[in-house]
Amino acid sequence: MVDKVRFAFTEVDSNLGALSTLPYLPITLSYRNQSLRGTGLLDSGSSVNVLPYEMGLELGAVWERQTLAVPLGGNLSRFEARALVLSATVEQFLPVELAFEVSLKRR
């Protein structure tokens, strides 16, 4: 198994110069028997993973049926949030489980 891989930073908007270069990496997300390939923003300072609602639907998840509650902080603390646990694979590394949150409604 390879213990390191380098990924190039991706320029998002050339008008922003260096500020537009972000660390995206290829990722495969799996839930039950569905998989999606895409790119994810690597944010090592983030305390929460966010998955677009539509991607969850494509994987066959029903957000409203998720029972794992996630407490949100800051200006999101008034929202109820639930988590969806997915298997995530980057390149040839072993899959890991990641929890993604979605806000359901205001408290």
N, C-alpha and C. Protein backbone atom coordinates (compact mmCIF):
# COMPACT_ATOMS: atom_id res chain seq x y z
N MET A 1 0.84 -1.19 0.00
CA MET A 1 0.00 0.00 0.00
C MET A 1 0.88 1.24 0.00
N VAL A 2 0.48 2.23 -0.78
CA VAL A 2 1.19 3.50 -0.86
C VAL A 2 0.80 4.34 0.35
N ASP A 3 1.79 4.96 1.02
CA ASP A 3 1.45 5.75 2.20
C ASP A 3 1.36 7.24 1.93
N LYS A 4 1.64 7.67 0.70
CA LYS A 4 1.44 9.09 0.39
C LYS A 4 1.21 9.26 -1.12
N VAL A 5 0.43 10.27 -1.43
CA VAL A 5 0.13 10.64 -2.81
C VAL A 5 0.04 12.16 -2.84
N ARG A 6 0.54 12.77 -3.89
CA ARG A 6 0.45 14.22 -4.04
C ARG A 6 -0.69 14.56 -4.99
N PHE A 7 -1.46 15.58 -4.61
CA PHE A 7 -2.54 16.08 -5.45
C PHE A 7 -2.26 17.54 -5.76
N ALA A 8 -2.43 17.90 -7.01
CA ALA A 8 -2.21 19.29 -7.41
C ALA A 8 -3.37 20.15 -6.91
N PHE A 9 -3.07 21.38 -6.56
CA PHE A 9 -4.12 22.34 -6.21
C PHE A 9 -4.86 22.71 -7.50
N THR A 10 -6.15 22.98 -7.39
CA THR A 10 -6.99 23.29 -8.55
C THR A 10 -7.37 24.76 -8.53
N GLU A 11 -7.17 25.42 -9.67
CA GLU A 11 -7.57 26.82 -9.77
C GLU A 11 -9.07 26.89 -10.04
N VAL A 12 -9.80 27.58 -9.18
CA VAL A 12 -11.25 27.68 -9.28
C VAL A 12 -11.67 28.89 -10.09
N ASP A 13 -11.01 30.04 -9.87
CA ASP A 13 -11.36 31.28 -10.56
C ASP A 13 -10.06 32.04 -10.82
N SER A 14 -9.62 32.10 -12.06
CA SER A 14 -8.34 32.73 -12.39
C SER A 14 -8.31 34.22 -12.04
N ASN A 15 -9.48 34.86 -11.89
CA ASN A 15 -9.53 36.28 -11.52
C ASN A 15 -9.08 36.52 -10.09
N LEU A 16 -9.10 35.49 -9.25
CA LEU A 16 -8.73 35.65 -7.85
C LEU A 16 -7.26 35.39 -7.57
N GLY A 17 -6.52 35.00 -8.57
CA GLY A 17 -5.10 34.73 -8.38
C GLY A 17 -4.88 33.56 -7.44
N ALA A 18 -3.89 33.70 -6.54
CA ALA A 18 -3.53 32.61 -5.63
C ALA A 18 -4.67 32.20 -4.70
N LEU A 19 -5.60 33.13 -4.42
CA LEU A 19 -6.72 32.81 -3.53
C LEU A 19 -7.68 31.79 -4.14
N SER A 20 -7.61 31.61 -5.45
CA SER A 20 -8.56 30.70 -6.09
C SER A 20 -8.03 29.27 -6.19
N THR A 21 -6.82 29.04 -5.74
CA THR A 21 -6.22 27.71 -5.82
C THR A 21 -6.55 26.93 -4.56
N LEU A 22 -7.31 25.84 -4.74
CA LEU A 22 -7.79 25.06 -3.59
C LEU A 22 -7.40 23.59 -3.71
N PRO A 23 -7.24 22.91 -2.56
CA PRO A 23 -6.85 21.50 -2.58
C PRO A 23 -8.05 20.56 -2.76
N TYR A 24 -8.31 20.19 -3.99
CA TYR A 24 -9.36 19.21 -4.28
C TYR A 24 -8.71 17.85 -4.50
N LEU A 25 -9.42 16.80 -4.13
CA LEU A 25 -8.90 15.46 -4.37
C LEU A 25 -10.01 14.55 -4.88
N PRO A 26 -9.63 13.54 -5.68
CA PRO A 26 -10.64 12.62 -6.19
C PRO A 26 -11.13 11.72 -5.06
N ILE A 27 -12.44 11.49 -5.03
CA ILE A 27 -13.01 10.69 -3.95
C ILE A 27 -14.18 9.87 -4.49
N THR A 28 -14.31 8.66 -3.99
CA THR A 28 -15.47 7.82 -4.31
C THR A 28 -16.25 7.63 -3.02
N LEU A 29 -17.53 7.99 -3.03
CA LEU A 29 -18.41 7.83 -1.87
C LEU A 29 -19.36 6.68 -2.14
N SER A 30 -19.55 5.83 -1.14
CA SER A 30 -20.43 4.67 -1.29
C SER A 30 -21.41 4.61 -0.13
N TYR A 31 -22.65 4.21 -0.48
CA TYR A 31 -23.71 4.04 0.51
C TYR A 31 -24.56 2.87 0.05
N ARG A 32 -24.62 1.85 0.88
CA ARG A 32 -25.32 0.63 0.52
C ARG A 32 -24.74 0.10 -0.79
N ASN A 33 -25.49 -0.07 -1.87
CA ASN A 33 -24.89 -0.57 -3.12
C ASN A 33 -24.72 0.51 -4.18
N GLN A 34 -24.70 1.77 -3.80
CA GLN A 34 -24.52 2.87 -4.75
C GLN A 34 -23.16 3.54 -4.50
N SER A 35 -22.53 3.99 -5.58
CA SER A 35 -21.27 4.73 -5.47
C SER A 35 -21.29 5.93 -6.39
N LEU A 36 -20.61 6.98 -5.98
CA LEU A 36 -20.44 8.19 -6.78
C LEU A 36 -18.98 8.59 -6.76
N ARG A 37 -18.46 8.95 -7.92
CA ARG A 37 -17.10 9.48 -8.00
C ARG A 37 -17.19 10.98 -8.17
N GLY A 38 -16.30 11.67 -7.52
CA GLY A 38 -16.29 13.12 -7.64
C GLY A 38 -15.01 13.69 -7.08
N THR A 39 -15.06 14.98 -6.77
CA THR A 39 -13.92 15.63 -6.14
C THR A 39 -14.41 16.27 -4.85
N GLY A 40 -13.54 16.30 -3.87
CA GLY A 40 -13.87 16.90 -2.59
C GLY A 40 -12.83 17.92 -2.20
N LEU A 41 -13.27 18.97 -1.55
CA LEU A 41 -12.36 19.99 -1.04
C LEU A 41 -11.75 19.48 0.26
N LEU A 42 -10.44 19.43 0.30
CA LEU A 42 -9.74 19.02 1.51
C LEU A 42 -9.60 20.22 2.42
N ASP A 43 -10.31 20.21 3.55
CA ASP A 43 -10.28 21.32 4.51
C ASP A 43 -9.87 20.75 5.85
N SER A 44 -8.59 20.75 6.13
CA SER A 44 -8.08 20.12 7.35
C SER A 44 -8.48 20.88 8.62
N GLY A 45 -9.03 22.10 8.49
CA GLY A 45 -9.46 22.86 9.65
C GLY A 45 -10.95 22.75 9.91
N SER A 46 -11.65 21.99 9.10
CA SER A 46 -13.10 21.88 9.23
C SER A 46 -13.48 20.86 10.30
N SER A 47 -14.57 21.14 10.99
CA SER A 47 -15.05 20.20 12.01
C SER A 47 -16.28 19.42 11.52
N VAL A 48 -16.70 19.66 10.28
CA VAL A 48 -17.88 18.98 9.75
C VAL A 48 -17.68 18.73 8.25
N ASN A 49 -18.18 17.60 7.79
CA ASN A 49 -18.19 17.29 6.36
C ASN A 49 -19.56 17.63 5.81
N VAL A 50 -19.59 18.27 4.65
CA VAL A 50 -20.85 18.67 4.05
C VAL A 50 -21.00 17.96 2.71
N LEU A 51 -22.14 17.36 2.50
CA LEU A 51 -22.46 16.67 1.26
C LEU A 51 -23.66 17.36 0.63
N PRO A 52 -23.57 17.72 -0.64
CA PRO A 52 -24.75 18.31 -1.27
C PRO A 52 -25.95 17.38 -1.15
N TYR A 53 -27.09 17.94 -0.83
CA TYR A 53 -28.32 17.18 -0.63
C TYR A 53 -28.59 16.24 -1.81
N GLU A 54 -28.40 16.75 -3.04
CA GLU A 54 -28.68 15.97 -4.24
C GLU A 54 -27.77 14.75 -4.35
N MET A 55 -26.52 14.88 -3.90
CA MET A 55 -25.61 13.73 -3.95
C MET A 55 -26.08 12.63 -3.01
N GLY A 56 -26.59 13.03 -1.86
CA GLY A 56 -27.14 12.04 -0.93
C GLY A 56 -28.30 11.29 -1.57
N LEU A 57 -29.14 12.03 -2.28
CA LEU A 57 -30.27 11.39 -2.97
C LEU A 57 -29.78 10.43 -4.06
N GLU A 58 -28.74 10.84 -4.81
CA GLU A 58 -28.18 9.97 -5.84
C GLU A 58 -27.64 8.67 -5.26
N LEU A 59 -27.15 8.73 -4.03
CA LEU A 59 -26.63 7.53 -3.37
C LEU A 59 -27.75 6.68 -2.77
N GLY A 60 -28.98 7.16 -2.83
CA GLY A 60 -30.11 6.40 -2.31
C GLY A 60 -30.45 6.71 -0.87
N ALA A 61 -29.86 7.75 -0.31
CA ALA A 61 -30.13 8.11 1.08
C ALA A 61 -31.40 8.95 1.17
N VAL A 62 -32.12 8.75 2.24
CA VAL A 62 -33.28 9.59 2.54
C VAL A 62 -32.88 10.38 3.79
N TRP A 63 -32.50 11.66 3.57
CA TRP A 63 -31.97 12.46 4.66
C TRP A 63 -32.91 12.50 5.86
N GLU A 64 -34.19 12.62 5.61
CA GLU A 64 -35.16 12.75 6.70
C GLU A 64 -35.27 11.48 7.55
N ARG A 65 -34.76 10.37 7.06
CA ARG A 65 -34.80 9.11 7.82
C ARG A 65 -33.53 8.84 8.61
N GLN A 66 -32.55 9.72 8.49
CA GLN A 66 -31.30 9.54 9.23
C GLN A 66 -31.54 9.84 10.70
N THR A 67 -31.03 9.00 11.57
CA THR A 67 -31.30 9.14 13.01
C THR A 67 -30.11 9.64 13.82
N LEU A 68 -28.94 9.71 13.21
CA LEU A 68 -27.75 10.16 13.92
C LEU A 68 -27.76 11.69 13.99
N ALA A 69 -28.04 12.24 15.17
CA ALA A 69 -28.12 13.70 15.35
C ALA A 69 -26.71 14.28 15.44
N VAL A 70 -26.55 15.48 14.89
CA VAL A 70 -25.27 16.17 14.91
C VAL A 70 -25.48 17.56 15.50
N PRO A 71 -24.81 17.89 16.61
CA PRO A 71 -24.95 19.24 17.15
C PRO A 71 -24.12 20.22 16.31
N LEU A 72 -24.72 21.31 15.91
CA LEU A 72 -24.01 22.34 15.16
C LEU A 72 -23.71 23.51 16.08
N GLY A 73 -22.67 24.24 15.78
CA GLY A 73 -22.29 25.38 16.60
C GLY A 73 -22.41 26.68 15.84
N GLY A 74 -22.08 27.76 16.52
CA GLY A 74 -22.08 29.07 15.89
C GLY A 74 -23.43 29.48 15.37
N ASN A 75 -23.43 30.13 14.21
CA ASN A 75 -24.69 30.63 13.65
C ASN A 75 -25.58 29.51 13.10
N LEU A 76 -25.10 28.27 13.10
CA LEU A 76 -25.92 27.13 12.66
C LEU A 76 -26.56 26.38 13.83
N SER A 77 -26.29 26.82 15.05
CA SER A 77 -26.75 26.08 16.23
C SER A 77 -28.27 26.01 16.36
N ARG A 78 -28.99 26.90 15.70
CA ARG A 78 -30.44 26.88 15.79
C ARG A 78 -31.08 25.86 14.84
N PHE A 79 -30.26 25.22 14.01
CA PHE A 79 -30.77 24.25 13.05
C PHE A 79 -30.60 22.82 13.55
N GLU A 80 -31.59 21.99 13.25
CA GLU A 80 -31.49 20.56 13.53
C GLU A 80 -30.69 19.94 12.40
N ALA A 81 -29.74 19.08 12.72
CA ALA A 81 -28.93 18.44 11.70
C ALA A 81 -28.84 16.95 11.95
N ARG A 82 -28.76 16.20 10.89
CA ARG A 82 -28.59 14.75 10.96
C ARG A 82 -27.37 14.37 10.14
N ALA A 83 -26.79 13.22 10.47
CA ALA A 83 -25.60 12.77 9.75
C ALA A 83 -25.89 11.52 8.95
N LEU A 84 -25.20 11.40 7.85
CA LEU A 84 -25.23 10.23 6.99
C LEU A 84 -23.80 9.70 6.94
N VAL A 85 -23.60 8.44 7.31
CA VAL A 85 -22.27 7.85 7.31
C VAL A 85 -22.05 7.14 5.98
N LEU A 86 -21.00 7.55 5.28
CA LEU A 86 -20.66 6.98 3.97
C LEU A 86 -19.26 6.38 4.01
N SER A 87 -19.02 5.45 3.13
CA SER A 87 -17.67 4.94 2.92
C SER A 87 -17.00 5.84 1.89
N ALA A 88 -15.79 6.28 2.18
CA ALA A 88 -15.06 7.19 1.29
C ALA A 88 -13.71 6.59 0.93
N THR A 89 -13.40 6.62 -0.36
CA THR A 89 -12.12 6.09 -0.83
C THR A 89 -11.43 7.15 -1.67
N VAL A 90 -10.17 7.41 -1.35
CA VAL A 90 -9.34 8.33 -2.12
C VAL A 90 -8.20 7.52 -2.72
N GLU A 91 -8.14 7.59 -4.08
CA GLU A 91 -7.10 6.87 -4.81
C GLU A 91 -7.05 5.41 -4.38
N GLN A 92 -5.84 4.90 -4.10
CA GLN A 92 -5.70 3.49 -3.75
C GLN A 92 -5.67 3.24 -2.24
N PHE A 93 -6.01 4.26 -1.44
CA PHE A 93 -6.03 4.08 0.00
C PHE A 93 -7.25 3.26 0.42
N LEU A 94 -7.16 2.65 1.58
CA LEU A 94 -8.28 1.88 2.11
C LEU A 94 -9.46 2.81 2.39
N PRO A 95 -10.69 2.32 2.23
CA PRO A 95 -11.86 3.16 2.51
C PRO A 95 -11.94 3.51 4.00
N VAL A 96 -12.51 4.67 4.27
CA VAL A 96 -12.78 5.10 5.65
C VAL A 96 -14.23 5.53 5.72
N GLU A 97 -14.79 5.52 6.91
CA GLU A 97 -16.15 6.00 7.10
C GLU A 97 -16.11 7.49 7.45
N LEU A 98 -16.95 8.27 6.77
CA LEU A 98 -17.07 9.69 7.04
C LEU A 98 -18.53 10.02 7.29
N ALA A 99 -18.77 10.89 8.25
CA ALA A 99 -20.14 11.34 8.53
C ALA A 99 -20.34 12.70 7.86
N PHE A 100 -21.41 12.82 7.10
CA PHE A 100 -21.76 14.06 6.43
C PHE A 100 -23.04 14.59 7.05
N GLU A 101 -23.12 15.89 7.23
CA GLU A 101 -24.31 16.47 7.87
C GLU A 101 -25.18 17.18 6.85
N VAL A 102 -26.47 17.25 7.22
CA VAL A 102 -27.43 18.06 6.47
C VAL A 102 -28.35 18.69 7.49
N SER A 103 -28.64 19.97 7.31
CA SER A 103 -29.60 20.65 8.18
C SER A 103 -31.01 20.33 7.71
N LEU A 104 -31.87 19.96 8.64
CA LEU A 104 -33.23 19.58 8.27
C LEU A 104 -34.24 20.71 8.44
N LYS A 105 -34.17 21.42 9.56
CA LYS A 105 -35.15 22.49 9.78
C LYS A 105 -34.66 23.37 10.92
N ARG A 106 -35.31 24.51 11.09
CA ARG A 106 -34.98 25.41 12.20
C ARG A 106 -35.51 24.84 13.51
N ARG A 107 -34.76 25.09 14.56
CA ARG A 107 -35.20 24.68 15.90
C ARG A 107 -36.20 25.66 16.43
